[in-house]
Amino acid sequence: MHADTVQLAIGRGSLKHKIDLYFANLGLGLNPYGLRKARMREIVHLEMKSDDQLARMGLSREEILPHVFRDLLSA
């Protein structure tokens, strides 16, 4: 199974929608399809972890997307 074929639902929205909203909330006027596809494996890997596992990594669930895209968004 490849990460780009995995269908995940987070709460009421899909993971794809969650990523789109993340970029929209940052005010970036771009379609994140290419970015999402390139990093989906890491996003899925982190989303599959429990909150405790994420905490041991120093992350919260809300910090997954900023963590994965940190190289693009740092000043």
C-alpha atoms as a PDB file:
ATOM      1  CA  MET A   1       0.000   0.000   0.000  1.00  0.00           C
ATOM      2  CA  HIS A   2       1.337   3.433  -0.927  1.00  0.00           C
ATOM      3  CA  ALA A   3       0.791   6.537   1.209  1.00  0.00           C
ATOM      4  CA  ASP A   4      -0.677   8.423  -1.749  1.00  0.00           C
ATOM      5  CA  THR A   5      -3.505   5.872  -2.027  1.00  0.00           C
ATOM      6  CA  VAL A   6      -4.441   5.800   1.662  1.00  0.00           C
ATOM      7  CA  GLN A   7      -7.798   7.347   2.496  1.00  0.00           C
ATOM      8  CA  LEU A   8      -7.795   8.929   5.951  1.00  0.00           C
ATOM      9  CA  ALA A   9     -10.520  10.860   7.662  1.00  0.00           C
ATOM     10  CA  ILE A  10      -9.600  13.144  10.522  1.00  0.00           C
ATOM     11  CA  GLY A  11     -12.649  14.208  12.498  1.00  0.00           C
ATOM     12  CA  ARG A  12     -15.208  15.406   9.987  1.00  0.00           C
ATOM     13  CA  GLY A  13     -12.820  16.127   7.161  1.00  0.00           C
ATOM     14  CA  SER A  14     -10.325  14.237   5.113  1.00  0.00           C
ATOM     15  CA  LEU A  15      -6.600  14.581   5.581  1.00  0.00           C
ATOM     16  CA  LYS A  16      -6.447  16.279   2.169  1.00  0.00           C
ATOM     17  CA  HIS A  17      -8.967  18.871   3.327  1.00  0.00           C
ATOM     18  CA  LYS A  18      -7.060  19.371   6.602  1.00  0.00           C
ATOM     19  CA  ILE A  19      -3.876  20.150   4.642  1.00  0.00           C
ATOM     20  CA  ASP A  20      -5.734  22.521   2.279  1.00  0.00           C
ATOM     21  CA  LEU A  21      -7.192  24.385   5.258  1.00  0.00           C
ATOM     22  CA  TYR A  22      -3.775  24.600   6.884  1.00  0.00           C
ATOM     23  CA  PHE A  23      -2.345  26.399   3.861  1.00  0.00           C
ATOM     24  CA  ALA A  24      -5.449  28.575   3.460  1.00  0.00           C
ATOM     25  CA  ASN A  25      -5.215  29.653   7.103  1.00  0.00           C
ATOM     26  CA  LEU A  26      -1.602  30.657   6.532  1.00  0.00           C
ATOM     27  CA  GLY A  27      -2.809  32.948   3.773  1.00  0.00           C
ATOM     28  CA  LEU A  28      -0.849  31.155   1.088  1.00  0.00           C
ATOM     29  CA  GLY A  29      -2.583  31.458  -2.244  1.00  0.00           C
ATOM     30  CA  LEU A  30      -1.363  28.215  -3.684  1.00  0.00           C
ATOM     31  CA  ASN A  31      -2.716  24.802  -4.407  1.00  0.00           C
ATOM     32  CA  PRO A  32      -0.808  22.502  -2.074  1.00  0.00           C
ATOM     33  CA  TYR A  33      -1.396  19.369  -4.209  1.00  0.00           C
ATOM     34  CA  GLY A  34       2.270  18.940  -5.135  1.00  0.00           C
ATOM     35  CA  LEU A  35       3.463  19.686  -1.621  1.00  0.00           C
ATOM     36  CA  ARG A  36       0.870  17.377  -0.113  1.00  0.00           C
ATOM     37  CA  LYS A  37       1.694  14.519  -2.467  1.00  0.00           C
ATOM     38  CA  ALA A  38       5.430  14.849  -1.857  1.00  0.00           C
ATOM     39  CA  ARG A  39       5.043  14.738   1.931  1.00  0.00           C
ATOM     40  CA  MET A  40       1.976  12.552   2.383  1.00  0.00           C
ATOM     41  CA  ARG A  41       3.994   9.543   3.567  1.00  0.00           C
ATOM     42  CA  GLU A  42       5.420  11.518   6.507  1.00  0.00           C
ATOM     43  CA  ILE A  43       2.030  13.076   7.309  1.00  0.00           C
ATOM     44  CA  VAL A  44       0.298   9.680   7.298  1.00  0.00           C
ATOM     45  CA  HIS A  45       3.093   8.153   9.394  1.00  0.00           C
ATOM     46  CA  LEU A  46       2.682  10.854  12.049  1.00  0.00           C
ATOM     47  CA  GLU A  47      -1.146  10.873  11.924  1.00  0.00           C
ATOM     48  CA  MET A  48      -1.143   7.141  12.658  1.00  0.00           C
ATOM     49  CA  LYS A  49       0.738   7.652  15.924  1.00  0.00           C
ATOM     50  CA  SER A  50      -1.092   7.993  19.211  1.00  0.00           C
ATOM     51  CA  ASP A  51      -1.146  11.314  21.027  1.00  0.00           C
ATOM     52  CA  ASP A  52       1.273   9.833  23.586  1.00  0.00           C
ATOM     53  CA  GLN A  53       3.715   8.786  20.865  1.00  0.00           C
ATOM     54  CA  LEU A  54       3.542  12.264  19.326  1.00  0.00           C
ATOM     55  CA  ALA A  55       4.121  13.855  22.740  1.00  0.00           C
ATOM     56  CA  ARG A  56       7.278  11.772  23.200  1.00  0.00           C
ATOM     57  CA  MET A  57       8.464  13.258  19.888  1.00  0.00           C
ATOM     58  CA  GLY A  58       7.697  16.744  21.183  1.00  0.00           C
ATOM     59  CA  LEU A  59       4.663  17.139  18.899  1.00  0.00           C
ATOM     60  CA  SER A  60       0.954  17.554  19.332  1.00  0.00           C
ATOM     61  CA  ARG A  61      -1.505  16.439  16.664  1.00  0.00           C
ATOM     62  CA  GLU A  62      -2.055  20.099  15.713  1.00  0.00           C
ATOM     63  CA  GLU A  63       1.693  20.499  15.135  1.00  0.00           C
ATOM     64  CA  ILE A  64       2.020  17.704  12.559  1.00  0.00           C
ATOM     65  CA  LEU A  65       1.476  19.876   9.482  1.00  0.00           C
ATOM     66  CA  PRO A  66       3.692  22.744  10.663  1.00  0.00           C
ATOM     67  CA  HIS A  67       6.350  20.126  11.470  1.00  0.00           C
ATOM     68  CA  VAL A  68       6.162  18.434   8.062  1.00  0.00           C
ATOM     69  CA  PHE A  69       6.209  21.723   6.144  1.00  0.00           C
ATOM     70  CA  ARG A  70       8.602  23.568   8.502  1.00  0.00           C
ATOM     71  CA  ASP A  71      11.304  24.003   5.855  1.00  0.00           C
ATOM     72  CA  LEU A  72       8.898  25.905   3.601  1.00  0.00           C
ATOM     73  CA  LEU A  73       7.483  28.167   6.285  1.00  0.00           C
ATOM     74  CA  SER A  74      10.473  29.200   8.354  1.00  0.00           C
ATOM     75  CA  ALA A  75      11.646  32.755   7.973  1.00  0.00           C
END
